[in-house]
C-alpha cells in the first residue's frame, strides 16, 4: 500500500510523546522518532541566556528617534 502522506508532529511534552506512540502502535502505523537536534545547542543556550537576562531587566532600550544613532547608521 502506498503512503498518501507523511505527517510530522512536534510534541512538546513527554505525555504527548507517549500518547502519539500509543496511538500509532494501536493503529499499527509504522513510525520513527528522530534523534536529530533541530538547533545547535550553543545557539539554544545563548537564546535561553538572553531570555533570562530580559526577565531580569538586563536590557538596553532605545527610543525610536535614536535608533539610527544606536545602530551607527
Protein backbone atom coordinates (compact mmCIF):
# COMPACT_ATOMS: atom_id res chain seq x y z
CA UNK A 1 0.00 0.00 0.00
CA UNK A 2 1.36 3.42 -0.96
CA UNK A 3 1.58 6.17 1.58
CA UNK A 4 -0.82 9.04 0.92
CA UNK A 5 1.14 11.48 3.04
CA UNK A 6 3.73 11.94 5.71
CA UNK A 7 2.77 13.53 9.00
CA UNK A 8 5.33 15.33 11.12
CA UNK A 9 4.28 16.00 14.70
CA UNK A 10 6.08 18.22 17.18
CA UNK A 11 5.12 17.04 20.67
CA UNK A 12 6.22 19.36 23.44
CA UNK A 13 5.87 17.12 26.46
CA UNK A 14 6.67 13.55 27.41
CA UNK A 15 2.94 12.96 27.82
CA UNK A 16 2.33 13.99 24.21
CA UNK A 17 5.16 11.75 23.00
CA UNK A 18 3.75 8.76 24.87
CA UNK A 19 0.24 9.44 23.55
CA UNK A 20 1.46 9.64 19.94
CA UNK A 21 3.44 6.43 20.32
CA UNK A 22 0.46 4.60 21.83
CA UNK A 23 -1.86 5.90 19.10
CA UNK A 24 0.39 4.89 16.21
CA UNK A 25 1.13 1.50 17.76
CA UNK A 26 -2.58 0.82 18.35
CA UNK A 27 -3.35 1.53 14.70
CA UNK A 28 -0.27 -0.43 13.56
CA UNK A 29 1.14 2.65 11.85
CA UNK A 30 4.86 2.49 11.21
CA UNK A 31 6.63 5.45 12.79
CA UNK A 32 10.09 6.61 13.71
CA UNK A 33 11.39 9.06 16.25
CA UNK A 34 14.12 11.39 15.07
CA UNK A 35 17.07 11.84 17.39
CA UNK A 36 18.28 14.78 15.33
CA UNK A 37 18.62 18.13 17.06
CA UNK A 38 16.94 20.97 15.22
CA UNK A 39 19.15 23.68 16.65
CA UNK A 40 22.78 23.99 17.56
CA UNK A 41 22.96 23.51 21.38
CA UNK A 42 25.27 26.53 21.74
CA UNK A 43 22.71 28.69 19.94
CA UNK A 44 19.89 27.41 22.17
CA UNK A 45 21.98 28.17 25.26
CA UNK A 46 22.54 31.77 24.09
CA UNK A 47 18.82 32.25 23.42
CA UNK A 48 17.89 30.90 26.86
CA UNK A 49 20.50 33.14 28.48
CA UNK A 50 19.12 36.17 26.63
CA UNK A 51 15.58 35.35 27.75
CA UNK A 52 16.75 35.13 31.34
CA UNK A 53 18.54 38.48 31.05
CA UNK A 54 15.37 40.06 29.67
CA UNK A 55 13.35 38.66 32.59
CA UNK A 56 15.89 40.20 34.98
CA UNK A 57 15.60 43.57 33.24
CA UNK A 58 19.13 43.46 31.85
CA UNK A 59 18.17 45.05 28.55
CA UNK A 60 19.05 48.13 26.54
CA UNK A 61 16.09 50.21 25.48
CA UNK A 62 16.40 52.52 22.51
CA UNK A 63 13.79 55.12 21.61
CA UNK A 64 12.63 55.08 18.00
CA UNK A 65 14.07 58.51 17.30
CA UNK A 66 17.53 57.33 18.50
CA UNK A 67 17.54 54.03 16.60
CA UNK A 68 19.70 55.15 13.66
CA UNK A 69 22.30 56.61 16.00
CA UNK A 70 22.28 53.45 18.13
CA UNK A 71 22.79 51.27 15.04
CA UNK A 72 25.50 53.59 13.71
CA UNK A 73 23.63 54.45 10.54
